[in-house]
Amino acid sequence: KGWLKLWLKSHFHPSFFRKAATAMAGQNEDFSVVRSIIEDKLHQEFYNVPTKDLPPRMQPRQLPNLQDAMKIDWDDWKSWEWMQPGWKGVKMHSQCVISADGSAEIRSVWK
């Protein structure tokens, strides 16, 4: 967070901080004013700047492509031994209990 303070101090005139403090004094009612001022300053500084010249935190990240993800086997649960007919081990029993006030509660127990 220290780098943010340094960046703000180096890029904004002191009058900005007075405006921001005045806006923030209204219990965040004018937060949009502060945000718009910062957005305007960032737009003025970084508009038409090549991506490679942006600060590291502003550079786009290489996120994985969902189309490249391996195929998901949605039917794998059919091979689980405790889901097969005739399973003799413990089973979880779930109940939905409706209270007098109309609220619901899910209860479960292993038997």
Foldseek 3Di string as FASTA:
>chain_A
DVVVVVVCVVQDDVVLVVVVVVQVVVVCPNVVVNVVVVVVSCCVVCPPPDLVPDPPVPRDDDDDDPVPDDDDDPPPVVPDQCPDPPDPDKDKDWDWDQDPVRDIDIDIDID
